Amino acid sequence: VNFINPDKFTDIRDAFTATEKGEEANLDLIRSYVQEKGSRYVPAGDKLEVTFTDIDLAGDFEPWHRSGMDDVRIVKDIYPPRMDLSYKLTDASGKVIKAGKRQLRDLNFMMRLSIRRDDPLRYEKGMLDDWLSEDIKPAITKN
């Protein structure tokens, strides 16, 4: 899992005034999630390479509502999660099974049922789950 120019990503902030450590933590959570979930679909020997070119986390910071709210992410339907990525799935010999670019969007993210209500990246993880099951799982089962 790679991130191209994460300093230019739309929104990976941990607060209104972002910290580098907080942004890196968000990227690390996304990286580990893709690695964990992807490993469930990709057989041993095969390789899935995912490169993110932009991420906009669900919600935004609205510190003007109240003082002390600059580290509270407000989640509203006007702030949907978005991710732009490219991927390449190869078999053990290096032959490309499937590759492509995707612009993941979930405009109905607020309607998604989630058992991970305490997970700050639950909406992004839901989008990644959908993408993996739509693009990667079918490619593996066709082999």
C-alpha atoms as a PDB file:
ATOM      1  CA  VAL A   1       0.000   0.000   0.000  1.00  0.00           C
ATOM      2  CA  ASN A   2       1.475   3.314  -1.121  1.00  0.00           C
ATOM      3  CA  PHE A   3       0.430   6.938  -0.784  1.00  0.00           C
ATOM      4  CA  ILE A   4       1.511   9.355  -3.525  1.00  0.00           C
ATOM      5  CA  ASN A   5       2.032  12.917  -2.239  1.00  0.00           C
ATOM      6  CA  PRO A   6      -0.085  12.507   0.906  1.00  0.00           C
ATOM      7  CA  ASP A   7       0.704  16.115   1.827  1.00  0.00           C
ATOM      8  CA  LYS A   8      -1.526  17.081  -1.127  1.00  0.00           C
ATOM      9  CA  PHE A   9      -4.442  14.822  -0.133  1.00  0.00           C
ATOM     10  CA  THR A  10      -7.754  16.640   0.266  1.00  0.00           C
ATOM     11  CA  ASP A  11      -8.326  15.707   3.916  1.00  0.00           C
ATOM     12  CA  ILE A  12      -6.474  13.231   6.100  1.00  0.00           C
ATOM     13  CA  ARG A  13      -6.369  15.628   9.042  1.00  0.00           C
ATOM     14  CA  ASP A  14      -6.724  14.669  12.671  1.00  0.00           C
ATOM     15  CA  ALA A  15      -7.838  18.180  13.700  1.00  0.00           C
ATOM     16  CA  PHE A  16      -8.627  21.558  12.139  1.00  0.00           C
ATOM     17  CA  THR A  17      -4.976  22.441  12.626  1.00  0.00           C
ATOM     18  CA  ALA A  18      -3.566  19.107  11.506  1.00  0.00           C
ATOM     19  CA  THR A  19      -0.548  17.421  12.991  1.00  0.00           C
ATOM     20  CA  GLU A  20       1.871  15.389  10.901  1.00  0.00           C
ATOM     21  CA  LYS A  21       1.740  12.611  13.484  1.00  0.00           C
ATOM     22  CA  GLY A  22      -2.073  12.492  13.325  1.00  0.00           C
ATOM     23  CA  GLU A  23      -2.146  12.431   9.533  1.00  0.00           C
ATOM     24  CA  GLU A  24       0.434   9.635   9.469  1.00  0.00           C
ATOM     25  CA  ALA A  25      -1.663   7.711  11.996  1.00  0.00           C
ATOM     26  CA  ASN A  26      -4.716   7.959   9.704  1.00  0.00           C
ATOM     27  CA  LEU A  27      -2.665   6.732   6.733  1.00  0.00           C
ATOM     28  CA  ASP A  28      -1.218   3.899   8.819  1.00  0.00           C
ATOM     29  CA  LEU A  29      -4.740   2.811   9.786  1.00  0.00           C
ATOM     30  CA  ILE A  30      -5.823   2.802   6.136  1.00  0.00           C
ATOM     31  CA  ARG A  31      -2.662   0.937   5.087  1.00  0.00           C
ATOM     32  CA  SER A  32      -3.059  -1.766   7.724  1.00  0.00           C
ATOM     33  CA  TYR A  33      -6.761  -2.140   6.930  1.00  0.00           C
ATOM     34  CA  VAL A  34      -6.121  -2.670   3.205  1.00  0.00           C
ATOM     35  CA  GLN A  35      -3.337  -5.129   4.003  1.00  0.00           C
ATOM     36  CA  GLU A  36      -5.481  -7.085   6.445  1.00  0.00           C
ATOM     37  CA  LYS A  37      -8.630  -7.168   4.315  1.00  0.00           C
ATOM     38  CA  GLY A  38      -6.745  -7.641   1.057  1.00  0.00           C
ATOM     39  CA  SER A  39      -4.950 -10.680   2.453  1.00  0.00           C
ATOM     40  CA  ARG A  40      -8.341 -12.356   2.866  1.00  0.00           C
ATOM     41  CA  TYR A  41      -8.935 -12.146  -0.889  1.00  0.00           C
ATOM     42  CA  VAL A  42      -5.446 -12.586  -2.302  1.00  0.00           C
ATOM     43  CA  PRO A  43      -4.096 -16.153  -2.307  1.00  0.00           C
ATOM     44  CA  ALA A  44      -0.593 -16.898  -1.037  1.00  0.00           C
ATOM     45  CA  GLY A  45       1.959 -16.054  -3.710  1.00  0.00           C
ATOM     46  CA  ASP A  46      -0.253 -13.492  -5.420  1.00  0.00           C
ATOM     47  CA  LYS A  47       0.275  -9.783  -4.786  1.00  0.00           C
ATOM     48  CA  LEU A  48      -2.076  -6.817  -4.554  1.00  0.00           C
ATOM     49  CA  GLU A  49      -0.475  -3.401  -4.910  1.00  0.00           C
ATOM     50  CA  VAL A  50      -2.653  -0.401  -4.027  1.00  0.00           C
ATOM     51  CA  THR A  51      -1.606   3.217  -4.547  1.00  0.00           C
ATOM     52  CA  PHE A  52      -3.705   6.037  -3.135  1.00  0.00           C
ATOM     53  CA  THR A  53      -3.505   9.368  -4.977  1.00  0.00           C
ATOM     54  CA  ASP A  54      -6.107  11.255  -2.923  1.00  0.00           C
ATOM     55  CA  ILE A  55      -8.159  10.750   0.229  1.00  0.00           C
ATOM     56  CA  ASP A  56     -10.918  12.894   1.666  1.00  0.00           C
ATOM     57  CA  LEU A  57     -12.134  11.500   4.978  1.00  0.00           C
ATOM     58  CA  ALA A  58     -15.823  11.622   5.840  1.00  0.00           C
ATOM     59  CA  GLY A  59     -16.817  14.727   7.755  1.00  0.00           C
ATOM     60  CA  ASP A  60     -14.883  17.928   8.360  1.00  0.00           C
ATOM     61  CA  PHE A  61     -13.831  20.207  11.163  1.00  0.00           C
ATOM     62  CA  GLU A  62     -16.099  23.146  12.047  1.00  0.00           C
ATOM     63  CA  PRO A  63     -14.305  24.958  14.868  1.00  0.00           C
ATOM     64  CA  TRP A  64     -16.407  28.093  14.385  1.00  0.00           C
ATOM     65  CA  HIS A  65     -19.376  26.423  16.134  1.00  0.00           C
ATOM     66  CA  ARG A  66     -17.822  26.418  19.576  1.00  0.00           C
ATOM     67  CA  SER A  67     -14.442  27.080  21.083  1.00  0.00           C
ATOM     68  CA  GLY A  68     -12.514  23.898  21.783  1.00  0.00           C
ATOM     69  CA  MET A  69     -14.139  22.075  18.861  1.00  0.00           C
ATOM     70  CA  ASP A  70     -11.141  22.275  16.530  1.00  0.00           C
ATOM     71  CA  ASP A  71     -10.308  18.581  17.030  1.00  0.00           C
ATOM     72  CA  VAL A  72     -13.870  17.260  16.602  1.00  0.00           C
ATOM     73  CA  ARG A  73     -14.706  15.895  13.139  1.00  0.00           C
ATOM     74  CA  ILE A  74     -18.322  16.723  12.294  1.00  0.00           C
ATOM     75  CA  VAL A  75     -19.872  14.054  10.104  1.00  0.00           C
ATOM     76  CA  LYS A  76     -22.666  15.268   7.833  1.00  0.00           C
ATOM     77  CA  ASP A  77     -23.916  14.020   4.490  1.00  0.00           C
ATOM     78  CA  ILE A  78     -22.379  17.096   2.818  1.00  0.00           C
ATOM     79  CA  TYR A  79     -18.913  15.722   3.663  1.00  0.00           C
ATOM     80  CA  PRO A  80     -18.861  12.246   2.044  1.00  0.00           C
ATOM     81  CA  PRO A  81     -15.719  10.093   2.053  1.00  0.00           C
ATOM     82  CA  ARG A  82     -13.703   9.887  -1.168  1.00  0.00           C
ATOM     83  CA  MET A  83     -10.632   7.913  -2.206  1.00  0.00           C
ATOM     84  CA  ASP A  84      -8.768   7.816  -5.499  1.00  0.00           C
ATOM     85  CA  LEU A  85      -6.562   4.805  -6.051  1.00  0.00           C
ATOM     86  CA  SER A  86      -4.911   2.581  -8.591  1.00  0.00           C
ATOM     87  CA  TYR A  87      -4.283  -1.106  -8.102  1.00  0.00           C
ATOM     88  CA  LYS A  88      -2.545  -4.073  -9.650  1.00  0.00           C
ATOM     89  CA  LEU A  89      -3.189  -7.703  -8.808  1.00  0.00           C
ATOM     90  CA  THR A  90      -0.512 -10.140  -9.952  1.00  0.00           C
ATOM     91  CA  ASP A  91      -0.168 -13.890  -9.620  1.00  0.00           C
ATOM     92  CA  ALA A  92       2.875 -15.712  -8.252  1.00  0.00           C
ATOM     93  CA  SER A  93       4.643 -15.573 -11.648  1.00  0.00           C
ATOM     94  CA  GLY A  94       4.151 -11.792 -11.895  1.00  0.00           C
ATOM     95  CA  LYS A  95       1.404 -11.995 -14.529  1.00  0.00           C
ATOM     96  CA  VAL A  96      -1.140  -9.191 -14.114  1.00  0.00           C
ATOM     97  CA  ILE A  97      -4.545 -10.630 -13.260  1.00  0.00           C
ATOM     98  CA  LYS A  98      -6.314  -7.297 -12.977  1.00  0.00           C
ATOM     99  CA  ALA A  99      -5.355  -3.629 -12.771  1.00  0.00           C
ATOM    100  CA  GLY A 100      -7.161  -0.342 -12.812  1.00  0.00           C
ATOM    101  CA  LYS A 101      -7.957   3.006 -11.276  1.00  0.00           C
ATOM    102  CA  ARG A 102     -10.920   3.729  -9.075  1.00  0.00           C
ATOM    103  CA  GLN A 103     -12.567   6.798  -7.656  1.00  0.00           C
ATOM    104  CA  LEU A 104     -14.362   5.515  -4.591  1.00  0.00           C
ATOM    105  CA  ARG A 105     -17.291   7.651  -3.450  1.00  0.00           C
ATOM    106  CA  ASP A 106     -20.049   6.881  -0.984  1.00  0.00           C
ATOM    107  CA  LEU A 107     -22.701   9.580  -1.124  1.00  0.00           C
ATOM    108  CA  ASN A 108     -25.008   7.433   1.020  1.00  0.00           C
ATOM    109  CA  PHE A 109     -22.391   6.778   3.696  1.00  0.00           C
ATOM    110  CA  MET A 110     -24.669   8.053   6.471  1.00  0.00           C
ATOM    111  CA  MET A 111     -27.163   5.285   5.631  1.00  0.00           C
ATOM    112  CA  ARG A 112     -24.559   2.524   5.968  1.00  0.00           C
ATOM    113  CA  LEU A 113     -25.108   0.192   8.894  1.00  0.00           C
ATOM    114  CA  SER A 114     -21.909  -0.361  10.797  1.00  0.00           C
ATOM    115  CA  ILE A 115     -20.991  -2.427  13.806  1.00  0.00           C
ATOM    116  CA  ARG A 116     -17.849  -0.297  14.141  1.00  0.00           C
ATOM    117  CA  ARG A 117     -19.572   2.797  15.509  1.00  0.00           C
ATOM    118  CA  ASP A 118     -16.529   3.723  17.590  1.00  0.00           C
ATOM    119  CA  ASP A 119     -14.138   3.496  14.618  1.00  0.00           C
ATOM    120  CA  PRO A 120     -13.325   6.987  13.270  1.00  0.00           C
ATOM    121  CA  LEU A 121     -12.572   5.527   9.810  1.00  0.00           C
ATOM    122  CA  ARG A 122     -15.642   3.279   9.577  1.00  0.00           C
ATOM    123  CA  TYR A 123     -17.008   5.023   6.479  1.00  0.00           C
ATOM    124  CA  GLU A 124     -13.700   4.777   4.615  1.00  0.00           C
ATOM    125  CA  LYS A 125     -13.308   1.145   5.631  1.00  0.00           C
ATOM    126  CA  GLY A 126     -16.822   0.439   4.370  1.00  0.00           C
ATOM    127  CA  MET A 127     -15.894   1.890   0.976  1.00  0.00           C
ATOM    128  CA  LEU A 128     -12.710  -0.192   0.905  1.00  0.00           C
ATOM    129  CA  ASP A 129     -14.684  -3.331   1.823  1.00  0.00           C
ATOM    130  CA  ASP A 130     -17.059  -2.676  -1.089  1.00  0.00           C
ATOM    131  CA  TRP A 131     -14.177  -2.084  -3.503  1.00  0.00           C
ATOM    132  CA  LEU A 132     -12.281  -5.217  -2.443  1.00  0.00           C
ATOM    133  CA  SER A 133     -15.378  -7.404  -2.730  1.00  0.00           C
ATOM    134  CA  GLU A 134     -16.378  -5.919  -6.109  1.00  0.00           C
ATOM    135  CA  ASP A 135     -12.995  -5.703  -7.842  1.00  0.00           C
ATOM    136  CA  ILE A 136     -10.546  -8.032  -6.135  1.00  0.00           C
ATOM    137  CA  LYS A 137     -12.614 -10.992  -4.965  1.00  0.00           C
ATOM    138  CA  PRO A 138     -14.159 -11.673  -8.413  1.00  0.00           C
ATOM    139  CA  ALA A 139     -10.736 -11.441 -10.074  1.00  0.00           C
ATOM    140  CA  ILE A 140      -9.377 -14.078  -7.702  1.00  0.00           C
ATOM    141  CA  THR A 141     -12.328 -16.449  -8.144  1.00  0.00           C
ATOM    142  CA  LYS A 142     -11.978 -16.298 -11.954  1.00  0.00           C
ATOM    143  CA  ASN A 143      -8.475 -17.818 -11.765  1.00  0.00           C
END
